[in-house]
């Protein structure tokens, strides 16, 4: 792998040049390889991750994998680039005109669910990256992952109307409970989403069910 993969930022043209062989694959095959690699890195961490396991899960040869990526590190860096772009896309879509924390988390949760339908462990991968200890990839994680988490957290709670919360309530803990609930609800939705042929029908049911959960929390947290 060349020095380019140690850089903190690539533009789209550079990314395509570096990973052109992989990006020329059919979308379904790219998705299969991405999911196989993410699963292995999440389960094993960078140092212990096995390219043998990745190619087995992706149903490709090891030669093919190293034709697309020159090394395990280059594959990992690509996944970092890919995953942070997903987060950036979600952050850019946060509507700051929506000042109710319940609605904002609901909107973000639905976007995440659609992404997880194609890449089930992409958010787990980024979380695992923040805890990665390998010296070989720690710097690129610091440069790429940490800033996007900071940016997303800041925008997530920007211009929220906290006056809706009951006086004397620990708002920070209330929001933490809300996030835990949405996370668990998202996991439940991810298990059910593939049982629906019509994704818009699922979305409608998902929102109706979430509203029943959020009403319980609103009654507890809001004035």
Protein backbone atom coordinates (compact mmCIF):
# COMPACT_ATOMS: atom_id res chain seq x y z
CA UNK A 1 0.00 0.00 0.00
CA UNK A 2 1.30 3.45 -0.88
CA UNK A 3 1.56 6.59 1.21
CA UNK A 4 -1.79 7.82 -0.13
CA UNK A 5 -3.68 5.56 2.25
CA UNK A 6 -2.11 7.26 5.23
CA UNK A 7 -3.55 10.61 4.19
CA UNK A 8 -6.54 11.89 6.12
CA UNK A 9 -8.59 13.09 3.15
CA UNK A 10 -9.25 12.04 -0.44
CA UNK A 11 -11.41 13.77 -2.99
CA UNK A 12 -13.80 11.66 -5.05
CA UNK A 13 -11.45 11.50 -8.04
CA UNK A 14 -8.57 10.26 -5.86
CA UNK A 15 -10.80 7.66 -4.21
CA UNK A 16 -11.92 6.31 -7.57
CA UNK A 17 -8.31 6.19 -8.82
CA UNK A 18 -7.06 4.28 -5.77
CA UNK A 19 -9.98 1.85 -5.64
CA UNK A 20 -11.01 1.84 -9.31
CA UNK A 21 -10.87 -1.96 -9.72
CA UNK A 22 -13.17 -2.43 -6.75
CA UNK A 23 -15.53 0.38 -7.74
CA UNK A 24 -15.89 -1.11 -11.22
CA UNK A 25 -17.47 -4.22 -9.72
CA UNK A 26 -21.24 -4.63 -9.76
CA UNK A 27 -22.88 -2.86 -6.81
CA UNK A 28 -24.14 -6.13 -5.32
CA UNK A 29 -20.63 -7.61 -5.27
CA UNK A 30 -19.16 -4.47 -3.73
CA UNK A 31 -21.83 -4.66 -1.05
CA UNK A 32 -21.06 -8.33 -0.37
CA UNK A 33 -17.31 -7.66 0.04
CA UNK A 34 -17.90 -4.58 2.21
CA UNK A 35 -20.23 -6.48 4.54
CA UNK A 36 -17.85 -9.47 4.78
CA UNK A 37 -14.89 -7.22 5.61
CA UNK A 38 -16.81 -5.08 8.09
CA UNK A 39 -18.05 -8.19 9.90
CA UNK A 40 -14.52 -9.57 10.26
CA UNK A 41 -13.03 -6.26 11.43
CA UNK A 42 -15.85 -5.76 13.96
CA UNK A 43 -15.47 -9.27 15.36
CA UNK A 44 -11.68 -9.50 15.35
CA UNK A 45 -10.21 -5.99 15.32
CA UNK A 46 -7.67 -4.87 12.73
CA UNK A 47 -4.61 -6.86 13.82
CA UNK A 48 -6.40 -10.20 14.24
CA UNK A 49 -8.74 -9.81 11.27
CA UNK A 50 -8.21 -12.56 8.71
CA UNK A 51 -8.38 -11.91 4.98
CA UNK A 52 -9.03 -15.66 4.62
CA UNK A 53 -12.27 -15.19 6.57
CA UNK A 54 -13.19 -12.13 4.52
CA UNK A 55 -12.82 -13.88 1.16
CA UNK A 56 -14.70 -16.92 2.48
CA UNK A 57 -17.64 -14.77 3.57
CA UNK A 58 -17.55 -12.72 0.35
CA UNK A 59 -17.25 -15.84 -1.81
CA UNK A 60 -14.24 -14.51 -3.73
CA UNK A 61 -10.64 -15.65 -4.10
CA UNK A 62 -7.86 -14.13 -2.05
CA UNK A 63 -6.20 -13.09 -5.30
CA UNK A 64 -9.31 -11.13 -6.24
CA UNK A 65 -9.37 -9.33 -2.90
CA UNK A 66 -5.76 -8.23 -3.30
CA UNK A 67 -6.46 -7.23 -6.86
CA UNK A 68 -8.99 -4.73 -5.50
CA UNK A 69 -6.99 -3.71 -2.41
CA UNK A 70 -3.20 -3.96 -2.13
CA UNK A 71 -3.27 -4.89 1.55
CA UNK A 72 -5.50 -5.46 4.55
CA UNK A 73 -4.76 -1.91 5.65
CA UNK A 74 -5.85 -0.46 2.31
CA UNK A 75 -9.13 -2.38 2.61
CA UNK A 76 -9.60 -1.06 6.15
CA UNK A 77 -8.89 2.51 5.06
CA UNK A 78 -11.43 2.17 2.26
CA UNK A 79 -14.04 1.01 4.77
CA UNK A 80 -13.22 3.99 6.99
CA UNK A 81 -13.61 6.35 4.02
CA UNK A 82 -16.84 4.67 2.94
CA UNK A 83 -18.40 4.58 6.41
CA UNK A 84 -17.55 8.16 7.32
CA UNK A 85 -19.10 9.33 4.05
CA UNK A 86 -22.32 7.59 5.11
CA UNK A 87 -22.25 9.45 8.44
CA UNK A 88 -21.50 12.73 6.67
CA UNK A 89 -24.49 12.12 4.40
CA UNK A 90 -26.78 11.66 7.42
CA UNK A 91 -25.36 14.74 9.15
CA UNK A 92 -25.94 16.88 6.07
CA UNK A 93 -29.61 15.83 6.05
CA UNK A 94 -30.27 16.84 9.67
CA UNK A 95 -33.04 19.44 9.59
CA UNK A 96 -32.14 22.18 12.06
CA UNK A 97 -35.64 23.63 11.65
CA UNK A 98 -36.91 20.54 13.51
CA UNK A 99 -36.21 21.56 17.11
CA UNK A 100 -38.01 18.66 18.82
CA UNK A 101 -35.41 16.08 19.91
CA UNK A 102 -37.90 13.22 19.51
CA UNK A 103 -38.64 14.08 15.87
CA UNK A 104 -34.99 14.66 15.07
CA UNK A 105 -33.88 11.32 16.49
CA UNK A 106 -36.82 9.66 14.72
CA UNK A 107 -35.76 11.10 11.35
CA UNK A 108 -32.14 10.07 11.83
CA UNK A 109 -33.15 6.61 13.04
CA UNK A 110 -35.18 5.97 9.89
CA UNK A 111 -32.26 7.01 7.66
CA UNK A 112 -29.90 4.73 9.61
CA UNK A 113 -32.32 1.83 9.29
CA UNK A 114 -32.37 2.08 5.49
CA UNK A 115 -28.56 2.11 5.44
CA UNK A 116 -28.35 -0.86 7.81
CA UNK A 117 -30.64 -2.84 5.55
CA UNK A 118 -27.78 -2.91 3.00
CA UNK A 119 -24.84 -2.70 5.42
CA UNK A 120 -25.99 -4.21 8.75
CA UNK A 121 -22.79 -3.55 10.72
CA UNK A 122 -21.53 -0.28 9.24
CA UNK A 123 -22.29 1.71 12.41
CA UNK A 124 -20.84 -1.06 14.58
CA UNK A 125 -17.69 -0.83 12.45
CA UNK A 126 -17.26 2.88 13.13
CA UNK A 127 -17.89 2.36 16.84
CA UNK A 128 -15.33 -0.47 16.90
CA UNK A 129 -12.88 1.80 15.07
CA UNK A 130 -13.04 4.37 17.88
CA UNK A 131 -11.86 1.62 20.26
CA UNK A 132 -9.24 0.18 17.87
CA UNK A 133 -5.76 -0.06 19.43
CA UNK A 134 -3.72 -1.12 16.41
CA UNK A 135 -0.88 1.35 15.82
CA UNK A 136 -1.10 0.59 12.10
CA UNK A 137 -4.51 2.24 11.70
CA UNK A 138 -4.92 4.35 14.83
CA UNK A 139 -3.76 7.57 13.18
CA UNK A 140 -6.14 7.30 10.22
CA UNK A 141 -8.99 6.63 12.66
CA UNK A 142 -8.03 9.72 14.66
CA UNK A 143 -7.96 11.80 11.48
CA UNK A 144 -11.15 10.49 9.87
CA UNK A 145 -13.51 8.94 12.42
CA UNK A 146 -13.11 11.13 15.51
CA UNK A 147 -13.93 14.42 13.71
CA UNK A 148 -17.10 13.05 12.07
CA UNK A 149 -18.38 11.76 15.42
CA UNK A 150 -17.72 15.17 16.96
CA UNK A 151 -19.44 16.92 14.05
CA UNK A 152 -22.45 14.61 14.06
CA UNK A 153 -22.95 14.88 17.82
CA UNK A 154 -22.73 18.67 17.69
CA UNK A 155 -25.25 19.00 14.86
CA UNK A 156 -27.53 16.34 16.30
CA UNK A 157 -28.31 18.56 19.30
CA UNK A 158 -27.90 21.95 17.65
CA UNK A 159 -30.92 24.28 18.09
CA UNK A 160 -32.92 21.71 20.05
CA UNK A 161 -35.72 23.25 22.13
CA UNK A 162 -34.81 22.07 25.63
CA UNK A 163 -37.54 24.23 27.20
CA UNK A 164 -40.00 21.40 26.44
CA UNK A 165 -38.43 19.22 29.14
CA UNK A 166 -39.89 19.24 32.63
CA UNK A 167 -38.14 21.44 35.18
CA UNK A 168 -35.78 19.55 37.47
CA UNK A 169 -35.35 16.71 34.98
CA UNK A 170 -31.82 15.55 34.17
CA UNK A 171 -32.05 16.32 30.45
CA UNK A 172 -28.75 14.63 29.62
CA UNK A 173 -29.90 11.34 31.14
CA UNK A 174 -33.33 11.68 29.52
CA UNK A 175 -31.72 12.05 26.08
CA UNK A 176 -29.49 9.07 26.83
CA UNK A 177 -32.58 6.97 27.60
CA UNK A 178 -34.17 8.23 24.38
CA UNK A 179 -31.10 7.22 22.37
CA UNK A 180 -31.01 3.77 23.99
CA UNK A 181 -34.69 3.29 23.16
CA UNK A 182 -34.20 4.35 19.55
CA UNK A 183 -31.16 2.08 19.23
CA UNK A 184 -33.11 -0.94 20.51
CA UNK A 185 -36.10 -0.05 18.36
CA UNK A 186 -33.80 0.24 15.33
CA UNK A 187 -32.38 -3.22 15.99
CA UNK A 188 -35.93 -4.58 16.19
CA UNK A 189 -36.83 -2.84 12.93
CA UNK A 190 -33.74 -4.20 11.20
CA UNK A 191 -34.88 -7.75 11.95
CA UNK A 192 -38.36 -7.05 10.55
CA UNK A 193 -37.60 -4.90 7.51
CA UNK A 194 -36.86 -7.78 5.14
CA UNK A 195 -40.29 -9.32 5.79
CA UNK A 196 -41.87 -6.39 3.91
CA UNK A 197 -41.96 -6.33 0.12
CA UNK A 198 -42.96 -2.67 0.11
CA UNK A 199 -40.34 -0.57 1.94
CA UNK A 200 -42.66 2.46 2.17
CA UNK A 201 -45.27 0.27 3.88
CA UNK A 202 -42.63 -0.79 6.39
CA UNK A 203 -41.63 2.84 6.92
CA UNK A 204 -45.21 3.80 7.74
CA UNK A 205 -45.59 0.95 10.23
CA UNK A 206 -42.15 1.71 11.71
CA UNK A 207 -43.09 5.35 12.34
CA UNK A 208 -46.49 4.45 13.82
CA UNK A 209 -44.88 1.99 16.22
CA UNK A 210 -42.09 4.42 17.13
CA UNK A 211 -44.69 7.11 17.90
CA UNK A 212 -46.25 4.80 20.49
CA UNK A 213 -42.86 4.39 22.19
CA UNK A 214 -41.98 8.07 21.97
CA UNK A 215 -45.35 9.10 23.46
CA UNK A 216 -44.53 7.14 26.62
CA UNK A 217 -41.18 8.92 26.89
CA UNK A 218 -42.63 12.33 26.04
CA UNK A 219 -45.23 11.92 28.78
CA UNK A 220 -42.36 11.21 31.18
CA UNK A 221 -39.92 13.90 30.00
CA UNK A 222 -41.95 16.82 28.62
CA UNK A 223 -44.04 19.38 30.47
